[in-house]
Protein backbone atom coordinates (compact mmCIF):
# COMPACT_ATOMS: atom_id res chain seq x y z
CA MET A 1 -17.16 3.84 10.74
CA THR A 2 -19.92 5.51 12.75
CA ASP A 3 -19.29 7.29 16.07
CA SER A 4 -21.31 4.73 17.91
CA HIS A 5 -19.21 1.83 16.49
CA ASN A 6 -16.00 3.68 17.25
CA LEU A 7 -17.20 4.14 20.87
CA SER A 8 -17.94 0.40 21.34
CA ARG A 9 -14.51 -0.41 19.90
CA ARG A 10 -12.72 1.99 22.19
CA ASP A 11 -14.62 0.59 25.11
CA PHE A 12 -13.57 -2.82 24.22
CA VAL A 13 -9.89 -1.95 23.85
CA LYS A 14 -10.09 -0.06 27.25
CA THR A 15 -11.48 -3.16 28.86
CA ALA A 16 -9.05 -5.63 27.16
CA GLY A 17 -6.12 -3.31 27.81
CA THR A 18 -2.74 -3.63 26.07
CA ALA A 19 0.21 -5.86 26.94
CA ALA A 20 3.68 -6.08 25.84
CA VAL A 21 2.83 -9.32 24.19
CA GLY A 22 6.16 -9.47 22.31
CA ALA A 23 7.94 -9.46 25.58
CA ALA A 24 6.18 -12.83 26.30
CA VAL A 25 7.60 -14.49 23.26
CA LEU A 26 8.72 -18.10 23.54
CA SER A 27 9.68 -19.34 26.94
CA ASP A 28 11.15 -18.50 30.34
CA SER A 29 14.50 -17.97 28.82
CA SER A 30 13.15 -15.89 25.97
CA ILE A 31 13.34 -12.26 24.94
CA SER A 32 11.17 -11.20 27.88
CA VAL A 33 13.76 -12.32 30.56
CA ALA A 34 17.22 -10.92 31.07
CA ALA A 35 18.65 -12.37 27.82
CA PRO A 36 21.88 -11.43 26.20
CA ALA A 37 21.93 -8.34 24.13
CA LYS A 38 21.84 -10.49 20.99
CA ARG A 39 20.00 -13.87 20.76
CA ARG A 40 21.91 -16.62 19.16
CA TYR A 41 19.68 -17.51 16.16
CA ALA A 42 19.74 -20.50 13.83
CA ILE A 43 17.56 -21.66 11.00
CA ILE A 44 16.85 -25.20 9.89
CA GLY A 45 15.68 -25.42 6.33
CA THR A 46 17.11 -22.69 3.97
CA GLY A 47 14.75 -22.44 1.09
CA ASP A 48 12.83 -19.41 -0.30
CA ARG A 49 10.89 -18.81 2.83
CA ALA A 50 13.78 -18.95 5.19
CA VAL A 51 15.83 -16.39 3.06
CA THR A 52 13.06 -13.94 2.20
CA MET A 53 11.01 -13.97 5.41
CA TRP A 54 13.17 -15.18 8.34
CA GLY A 55 16.61 -14.44 6.96
CA ARG A 56 17.25 -11.30 4.95
CA PRO A 57 14.65 -9.08 6.85
CA LEU A 58 16.18 -10.07 10.19
CA VAL A 59 19.72 -9.30 9.04
CA GLN A 60 18.61 -5.93 7.87
CA ASN A 61 16.22 -4.84 10.68
CA TYR A 62 17.43 -6.50 13.92
CA PRO A 63 21.26 -6.51 13.79
CA ASP A 64 21.26 -5.29 17.42
CA LEU A 65 19.06 -8.10 18.61
CA LEU A 66 20.06 -11.15 16.74
CA GLU A 67 23.31 -12.94 15.79
CA PHE A 68 23.07 -15.62 13.08
CA VAL A 69 25.13 -18.51 14.41
CA GLY A 70 24.06 -21.39 12.15
CA LEU A 71 22.23 -22.37 9.03
CA CYS A 72 21.17 -25.96 8.31
CA ASP A 73 19.79 -27.80 5.27
CA ILE A 74 20.03 -31.28 3.89
CA ASN A 75 21.32 -29.81 0.62
CA PRO A 76 24.86 -28.65 1.12
CA LYS A 77 24.81 -26.31 -1.84
CA ARG A 78 21.57 -24.61 -0.96
CA VAL A 79 22.62 -23.79 2.64
CA GLU A 80 25.76 -22.16 1.31
CA VAL A 81 23.86 -20.13 -1.29
CA ALA A 82 21.38 -19.06 1.42
CA ARG A 83 24.34 -17.91 3.62
CA GLN A 84 25.79 -15.82 0.74
CA MET A 85 22.20 -14.32 0.06
CA LEU A 86 21.85 -13.37 3.71
CA GLY A 87 25.41 -11.86 3.81
CA VAL A 88 26.22 -13.58 7.12
CA SER A 89 29.47 -15.21 8.20
CA CYS A 90 27.98 -18.04 10.34
CA PRO A 91 28.86 -21.67 9.67
CA THR A 92 26.60 -23.94 7.63
CA PHE A 93 25.58 -27.49 8.42
CA THR A 94 23.84 -30.46 6.87
CA ASP A 95 23.52 -32.20 10.18
CA PHE A 96 20.96 -30.63 12.67
CA ASP A 97 22.53 -32.02 15.94
CA LYS A 98 25.99 -30.99 14.81
CA MET A 99 24.69 -27.46 14.33
CA LEU A 100 23.24 -27.37 17.77
CA ASP A 101 26.45 -28.79 19.31
CA GLN A 102 28.83 -26.41 17.59
CA ALA A 103 26.71 -23.26 16.93
CA LYS A 104 24.98 -23.35 20.30
CA PRO A 105 21.90 -21.32 19.39
CA ASP A 106 19.24 -20.36 21.84
CA LEU A 107 16.50 -19.53 19.28
CA LEU A 108 15.61 -21.89 16.37
CA MET A 109 13.52 -21.09 13.36
CA VAL A 110 11.99 -24.13 11.54
CA THR A 111 11.41 -23.56 7.90
CA THR A 112 11.87 -27.08 6.44
CA VAL A 113 9.52 -29.04 4.37
CA ASP A 114 6.33 -29.28 6.36
CA GLY A 115 6.43 -32.98 6.98
CA PHE A 116 9.66 -32.48 9.02
CA HIS A 117 8.58 -29.52 11.24
CA SER A 118 7.54 -31.68 14.14
CA ASN A 119 10.78 -33.56 14.17
CA TYR A 120 12.87 -30.41 14.44
CA ILE A 121 10.59 -28.72 16.79
CA ALA A 122 10.66 -31.57 19.28
CA ARG A 123 14.46 -32.04 19.03
CA GLY A 124 14.97 -28.30 19.44
CA LEU A 125 12.83 -28.30 22.51
CA ASP A 126 14.56 -31.28 23.96
CA ARG A 127 17.81 -29.43 23.53
CA GLY A 128 16.50 -26.51 25.57
CA LEU A 129 15.97 -24.14 22.76
CA ASP A 130 13.15 -21.66 22.24
CA VAL A 131 11.50 -22.56 18.98
CA MET A 132 9.50 -20.69 16.30
CA THR A 133 8.03 -22.62 13.35
CA GLU A 134 6.55 -21.67 10.03
CA LYS A 135 3.04 -22.89 9.49
CA PRO A 136 1.73 -25.50 9.41
CA MET A 137 3.14 -26.71 12.79
CA VAL A 138 2.52 -30.38 11.78
CA ILE A 139 0.82 -32.31 9.11
CA ASP A 140 -0.91 -35.21 10.98
CA GLU A 141 -2.22 -35.91 14.34
CA LYS A 142 0.61 -38.14 15.52
CA GLN A 143 3.03 -35.28 14.85
CA CYS A 144 0.71 -32.85 16.63
CA GLN A 145 0.64 -34.87 19.76
CA ALA A 146 4.37 -35.37 19.71
CA VAL A 147 4.94 -31.59 19.51
CA LEU A 148 2.42 -30.88 22.30
CA ASP A 149 4.07 -33.51 24.49
CA ALA A 150 7.63 -32.16 23.78
CA GLU A 151 6.51 -28.67 24.75
CA LYS A 152 4.93 -29.87 27.94
CA ARG A 153 7.88 -31.95 29.16
CA ASN A 154 10.26 -29.09 28.43
CA LYS A 155 8.11 -26.39 29.91
CA LYS A 156 8.62 -24.24 26.78
CA ASN A 157 6.29 -22.16 24.54
CA ILE A 158 6.37 -22.62 20.78
CA VAL A 159 5.52 -19.59 18.53
CA VAL A 160 3.73 -20.42 15.27
CA THR A 161 4.25 -17.57 12.88
CA PHE A 162 0.80 -16.90 11.50
CA ASN A 163 1.57 -13.65 9.83
CA TYR A 164 -1.92 -13.32 8.32
CA ARG A 165 -3.27 -12.35 11.74
CA TYR A 166 -1.13 -9.26 11.72
CA ALA A 167 -2.41 -7.65 8.48
CA PRO A 168 -4.19 -4.42 9.60
CA LYS A 169 -7.34 -5.53 7.65
CA HIS A 170 -7.52 -8.78 9.63
CA GLN A 171 -7.02 -6.94 12.92
CA LYS A 172 -9.92 -4.62 11.91
CA ILE A 173 -12.18 -7.62 11.35
CA LYS A 174 -11.27 -8.98 14.77
CA GLU A 175 -12.09 -5.59 16.38
CA VAL A 176 -15.41 -5.33 14.61
CA LEU A 177 -16.46 -8.75 15.79
CA LEU A 178 -15.20 -7.96 19.41
CA SER A 179 -17.27 -4.70 19.37
CA GLY A 180 -20.52 -6.75 19.14
CA ALA A 181 -21.69 -4.91 16.10
CA ILE A 182 -23.22 -8.03 14.53
CA GLY A 183 -23.86 -9.81 17.97
CA LYS A 184 -23.37 -13.53 18.18
CA VAL A 185 -21.86 -15.07 14.98
CA VAL A 186 -24.20 -17.82 13.85
CA SER A 187 -22.47 -18.90 10.62
CA VAL A 188 -19.53 -18.06 8.35
CA ASP A 189 -19.21 -18.22 4.53
CA PHE A 190 -15.50 -18.38 3.48
CA SER A 191 -14.24 -19.06 -0.08
CA TRP A 192 -10.58 -18.69 -0.81
CA TYR A 193 -9.35 -18.56 -4.48
CA LEU A 194 -5.85 -19.51 -5.51
CA ASP A 195 -5.17 -18.36 -9.09
CA VAL A 196 -3.51 -20.14 -11.98
CA TYR A 197 -0.09 -18.79 -10.99
CA HIS A 198 -0.02 -19.17 -7.27
CA GLY A 199 -2.38 -22.14 -7.11
CA ALA A 200 -0.42 -24.05 -9.78
CA ASP A 201 2.84 -23.44 -8.04
CA TYR A 202 1.92 -25.80 -5.23
CA PHE A 203 1.67 -28.59 -7.73
CA ARG A 204 5.21 -27.92 -9.04
CA ARG A 205 6.77 -28.33 -5.67
CA TRP A 206 6.94 -30.90 -2.85
CA HIS A 207 3.52 -29.64 -1.69
CA ARG A 208 1.92 -31.95 -4.31
CA LEU A 209 2.52 -34.91 -1.99
CA LYS A 210 0.51 -35.56 1.25
CA SER A 211 3.48 -37.03 2.85
CA LYS A 212 5.41 -33.68 2.49
CA GLY A 213 2.79 -31.03 3.07
CA GLY A 214 -0.31 -32.79 4.33
CA SER A 215 -2.28 -31.44 1.25
CA LEU A 216 -3.54 -27.87 0.78
CA TRP A 217 -6.02 -28.72 3.56
CA VAL A 218 -3.08 -28.39 5.87
CA HIS A 219 -0.32 -26.38 4.22
CA LYS A 220 -2.50 -23.52 2.79
CA ALA A 221 -5.77 -23.74 4.66
CA THR A 222 -4.11 -23.68 8.07
CA HIS A 223 -3.71 -19.89 7.46
CA HIS A 224 -7.44 -19.56 6.96
CA PHE A 225 -8.44 -21.91 9.75
CA ASP A 226 -6.31 -20.05 12.19
CA LEU A 227 -7.89 -16.71 11.20
CA ILE A 228 -11.33 -18.21 11.76
CA ASN A 229 -10.40 -19.78 15.09
CA TRP A 230 -8.98 -16.43 16.19
CA TRP A 231 -11.76 -14.23 14.85
CA LEU A 232 -14.38 -16.40 16.55
CA ASP A 233 -12.36 -17.15 19.63
CA ALA A 234 -13.53 -20.68 19.36
CA ASP A 235 -12.21 -24.24 18.85
CA PRO A 236 -13.23 -26.38 15.81
CA VAL A 237 -15.14 -29.40 16.97
CA GLU A 238 -16.16 -31.41 13.89
CA VAL A 239 -15.39 -31.35 10.20
CA SER A 240 -17.13 -32.79 7.17
CA ALA A 241 -15.37 -32.41 3.81
CA ARG A 242 -15.27 -33.35 0.15
CA ALA A 243 -12.34 -32.80 -2.31
CA GLY A 244 -11.02 -33.78 -5.62
CA LEU A 245 -8.02 -33.44 -8.03
CA GLU A 246 -9.68 -32.00 -11.17
CA ILE A 247 -7.06 -29.96 -12.94
CA TYR A 248 -3.50 -30.95 -12.05
CA GLY A 249 -1.64 -34.19 -11.65
CA SER A 250 -2.92 -37.16 -13.78
CA ASN A 251 -5.44 -34.81 -15.50
CA GLY A 252 -2.68 -33.46 -17.88
CA LYS A 253 -2.43 -34.78 -21.32
CA PHE A 254 1.40 -34.53 -21.33
CA ARG A 255 4.07 -34.22 -18.76
CA ALA A 256 7.89 -33.93 -18.08
CA PRO A 257 10.09 -33.88 -14.96
CA ASN A 258 10.28 -30.12 -14.96
CA CYS A 259 9.55 -27.00 -17.04
CA ARG A 260 13.12 -26.20 -18.13
CA THR A 261 13.46 -29.58 -19.79
CA CYS A 262 9.88 -29.91 -21.12
CA PRO A 263 9.31 -30.50 -24.79
CA HIS A 264 5.68 -29.19 -24.38
CA THR A 265 6.33 -25.58 -23.31
CA SER A 266 4.56 -24.00 -26.26
CA GLU A 267 1.40 -25.92 -25.63
CA CYS A 268 1.28 -26.02 -21.81
CA ARG A 269 -0.75 -23.24 -20.28
CA PHE A 270 1.05 -23.79 -16.91
CA PHE A 271 4.61 -23.44 -18.28
CA TYR A 272 6.72 -21.62 -15.72
CA ASP A 273 9.93 -19.99 -16.83
CA MET A 274 11.99 -20.07 -13.61
CA LYS A 275 14.92 -18.49 -15.34
CA LYS A 276 13.22 -15.08 -14.80
CA ASN A 277 13.52 -15.52 -10.99
CA ASP A 278 17.24 -15.11 -9.88
CA ILE A 279 16.55 -16.19 -6.26
CA ARG A 280 14.99 -19.47 -7.28
CA MET A 281 17.66 -20.10 -9.85
CA GLN A 282 20.38 -19.68 -7.25
CA LEU A 283 18.59 -21.56 -4.44
CA TYR A 284 17.10 -24.35 -6.49
CA ALA A 285 18.31 -24.70 -10.04
CA LYS A 286 21.98 -24.26 -9.03
CA CYS A 287 21.57 -26.85 -6.26
CA GLU A 288 19.22 -29.43 -7.73
CA ASP A 289 22.01 -31.92 -8.70
CA ALA A 290 22.71 -32.41 -4.92
CA ASP A 291 19.15 -33.72 -4.12
CA GLY A 292 17.23 -33.97 -7.32
CA TYR A 293 14.58 -31.52 -6.30
CA PHE A 294 13.00 -29.47 -9.07
CA ARG A 295 11.47 -26.08 -8.07
CA ASP A 296 9.85 -25.89 -11.43
CA GLY A 297 8.47 -29.41 -11.47
CA CYS A 298 5.65 -30.34 -13.85
CA VAL A 299 2.16 -29.71 -12.45
CA TYR A 300 0.99 -32.86 -14.26
CA ARG A 301 3.19 -35.30 -12.53
CA GLU A 302 1.26 -38.44 -11.85
CA ASP A 303 2.53 -38.89 -8.28
CA CYS A 304 0.50 -35.85 -7.20
CA ASP A 305 -1.98 -37.09 -4.54
CA ILE A 306 -3.28 -33.82 -3.04
CA TYR A 307 -6.53 -31.87 -4.06
CA ASP A 308 -7.12 -28.79 -6.04
CA THR A 309 -10.87 -28.54 -5.30
CA MET A 310 -12.05 -28.52 -1.62
CA GLY A 311 -15.11 -27.89 0.43
CA ALA A 312 -15.89 -28.32 4.12
CA VAL A 313 -18.34 -27.64 6.88
CA VAL A 314 -16.79 -26.93 10.21
CA LYS A 315 -18.61 -26.83 13.59
CA TYR A 316 -17.22 -24.72 16.44
CA SER A 317 -17.33 -24.94 20.15
CA ASN A 318 -19.47 -21.78 20.40
CA GLY A 319 -22.11 -23.21 18.06
CA THR A 320 -21.00 -21.31 14.87
CA GLN A 321 -20.97 -23.20 11.62
CA MET A 322 -18.59 -22.37 8.72
CA SER A 323 -18.90 -23.27 5.06
CA TYR A 324 -15.41 -23.27 3.56
CA SER A 325 -14.12 -23.74 0.04
CA LEU A 326 -10.63 -23.67 -1.56
CA ASN A 327 -10.02 -23.78 -5.36
CA ALA A 328 -6.49 -23.70 -6.72
CA PHE A 329 -6.93 -22.90 -10.45
CA MET A 330 -8.89 -19.63 -10.45
CA PRO A 331 -8.42 -16.74 -12.83
CA PHE A 332 -7.94 -14.39 -9.80
CA GLU A 333 -6.49 -14.58 -6.30
CA GLY A 334 -8.18 -13.57 -3.04
CA TYR A 335 -11.14 -14.42 -0.85
CA ARG A 336 -14.77 -13.78 -0.01
CA LEU A 337 -15.75 -13.90 3.64
CA ALA A 338 -18.93 -13.14 5.57
CA PHE A 339 -19.87 -13.40 9.22
CA ASN A 340 -23.62 -13.89 9.69
CA GLY A 341 -24.59 -12.62 13.09
CA GLU A 342 -27.85 -12.23 15.12
CA LEU A 343 -27.70 -8.44 14.60
CA GLY A 344 -26.20 -8.16 11.17
CA ARG A 345 -23.62 -9.24 8.65
CA LEU A 346 -19.93 -8.36 8.12
CA GLU A 347 -18.76 -8.94 4.59
CA ILE A 348 -15.22 -8.92 3.23
CA ARG A 349 -13.98 -9.03 -0.40
CA ASP A 350 -10.17 -9.19 -0.83
CA TYR A 351 -8.22 -9.26 -4.03
CA GLU A 352 -4.57 -10.30 -4.00
CA ARG A 353 -4.21 -10.50 -7.79
CA GLN A 354 -6.81 -10.08 -10.51
CA PRO A 355 -6.87 -9.28 -14.30
CA TRP A 356 -8.82 -6.09 -13.92
CA GLU A 357 -8.48 -2.75 -12.02
CA VAL A 358 -9.91 -2.48 -8.55
CA GLU A 359 -10.36 0.68 -6.63
CA LYS A 360 -9.32 -1.07 -3.40
CA GLN A 361 -7.68 -4.41 -2.69
CA SER A 362 -9.85 -4.96 0.34
CA GLU A 363 -13.39 -3.93 1.03
CA ILE A 364 -15.28 -4.47 4.34
CA TYR A 365 -19.00 -3.74 4.77
CA LEU A 366 -21.11 -3.97 7.92
CA THR A 367 -24.83 -4.24 7.43
CA LYS A 368 -27.07 -4.15 10.57
CA SER A 369 -30.34 -6.02 10.59
CA PHE A 370 -33.16 -3.45 9.85
CA GLY A 371 -30.38 -0.84 9.25
CA GLN A 372 -28.04 0.57 6.73
CA ARG A 373 -24.90 -0.87 5.04
CA GLU A 374 -21.62 0.86 6.27
CA LYS A 375 -18.31 0.72 4.62
CA ILE A 376 -15.37 0.21 7.02
CA GLU A 377 -12.19 1.72 5.93
CA VAL A 378 -9.01 -0.31 6.13
CA PRO A 379 -5.44 0.80 5.21
CA GLU A 380 -4.00 -0.41 1.94
CA ILE A 381 -0.47 -1.81 2.72
CA ALA A 382 1.53 -3.26 -0.14
CA ALA A 383 4.05 -5.07 2.12
CA GLY A 384 4.06 -8.85 2.55
CA HIS A 385 0.80 -10.51 3.41
CA GLY A 386 -1.02 -7.19 3.75
CA GLY A 387 1.60 -5.75 6.13
CA GLY A 388 1.44 -8.78 8.36
CA ASP A 389 5.08 -9.91 7.79
CA GLY A 390 6.75 -6.88 9.26
CA ARG A 391 4.39 -6.49 12.14
CA ILE A 392 4.80 -10.16 13.41
CA ARG A 393 8.58 -9.82 13.11
CA ASP A 394 8.52 -6.54 15.13
CA LEU A 395 6.29 -8.19 17.75
CA ILE A 396 8.64 -11.12 18.09
CA PHE A 397 11.96 -9.29 18.03
CA LYS A 398 11.24 -5.69 19.15
CA LYS A 399 8.62 -6.64 21.73
CA THR A 400 6.12 -4.10 20.41
CA ASP A 401 3.07 -3.39 22.57
CA VAL A 402 -0.19 -4.76 21.24
CA PRO A 403 -3.66 -5.45 22.54
CA VAL A 404 -3.96 -8.81 24.28
CA TYR A 405 -6.15 -10.22 21.41
CA MET A 406 -3.08 -9.72 19.13
CA ARG A 407 -0.77 -11.88 21.22
CA LEU A 408 1.53 -14.31 19.36
CA PRO A 409 -0.01 -17.67 18.22
CA ASP A 410 1.09 -20.45 20.43
CA SER A 411 1.30 -24.29 20.05
CA ARG A 412 -2.50 -24.63 20.78
CA ALA A 413 -3.30 -22.29 17.99
CA GLY A 414 -0.97 -24.08 15.70
CA ALA A 415 -2.43 -27.41 16.60
CA LEU A 416 -6.11 -26.30 16.12
CA SER A 417 -5.45 -24.74 12.78
CA CYS A 418 -3.62 -27.92 11.52
CA LEU A 419 -6.25 -30.21 13.09
CA THR A 420 -9.04 -28.55 11.20
CA GLY A 421 -7.20 -29.36 7.94
CA ILE A 422 -6.14 -32.80 9.15
CA ALA A 423 -9.76 -33.54 10.03
CA ALA A 424 -10.89 -32.37 6.70
CA ARG A 425 -8.42 -34.52 4.83
CA LYS A 426 -9.44 -37.58 6.91
CA SER A 427 -13.10 -36.83 6.40
CA VAL A 428 -12.49 -36.96 2.60
CA GLU A 429 -10.52 -40.23 2.97
CA LEU A 430 -12.93 -41.87 5.36
CA ASN A 431 -16.07 -40.41 3.82
CA ARG A 432 -17.48 -39.34 7.17
CA PRO A 433 -17.46 -36.41 9.66
CA VAL A 434 -14.24 -36.23 11.79
CA ARG A 435 -14.29 -34.86 15.34
CA ILE A 436 -11.15 -33.05 16.56
CA SER A 437 -11.40 -34.98 19.81
CA GLU A 438 -10.70 -38.22 17.89
CA LEU A 439 -7.22 -36.90 16.85
CA VAL A 440 -5.26 -35.50 19.86
CA SER A 441 -5.43 -34.57 23.51
CA LEU A 442 -5.32 -30.73 23.54
CA PRO A 443 -4.05 -28.52 26.39
CA PRO A 444 -6.83 -26.45 28.02
CA LYS A 445 -7.50 -23.00 26.67
CA THR A 446 -5.82 -20.21 28.59
């Protein structure tokens, strides 16, 4: 970056200041107050995400700050397997209220199937707990209003764990925009590509059903919408969308309940050999007789009612307009993004997986109007989600100091990211633009 650009960024950071944002996590009884030496921590929903993101890393990295007091899942086998994987001695439960009564946690992590997040968030808040939740916070507008109301009546603060914000490359984008290098952002071009491995995987799982995940408009795109809301520091106002199911679901010529029992493995290009993944074999295959859930379900199951091809136009409160697309069957994974400003353009190309060599996974270019193109260097971090996983965990549990614009996402951020996807889904179903104000009554921006 040029010296002039560095100067503007330094001036901004000096003006914005830094704050121990991690110390403000959750509520009045959270980490920031005179809390016990160890927080009493419980998880509801003990699948892959709970174990690999909010389980094992916490056991390994924060033993002086957290005590695992309870794990809960509707599948009695899976919750016990998860406990063994974590190497903790806490009790396991299949009844949520029983866990709260007996384990007496003060911090709850919600990592269930998306469609049940709102239920456990509200019940946890009503029991006086501090609550964190995986994205998406909710999957429809009624759930959204219920969570916002529960938070308000309990005078608590939810944390929505948007780890993508904390990848250094995404922080760099935020800082360039804040520096004013391209002036007012007039429009955004954003295309996200899910490849034939990752994209197909959503159609193997419960995500294939709107009733469970709200569709990829909500489950996956909520990540992207949160980034845009945060980068622009603006609220979505109206969404117009189109979508279709073109590859998966009923488009298949053959199908079976799951890959391990399928007679068509030699001819199916989406065959997934879950036997090569020990964690999933333990968490899911070993436990599927208890609930009938197949982690390697057929991508061509005819009950699939979500979309694999999506496009939307989103209008924002600051006048910016975004063109967004998501395709879930691409030969490579990553995204293209551009901010078109009154003084220039900021372009980003990011590869998460591709069948060819790339010099750098992420490239960012700043082009000033009537000026030169400048490459902005960003660190290459191989850790989860571009380094975002570890940074958000440290912010939550170690109370690391960060600039105020890196504060933890709250329920309003969780709501707006979900509501963008919910509005897009409803726009497809109703064949008309949908305004966010039609859906919920949001708290004022602070």
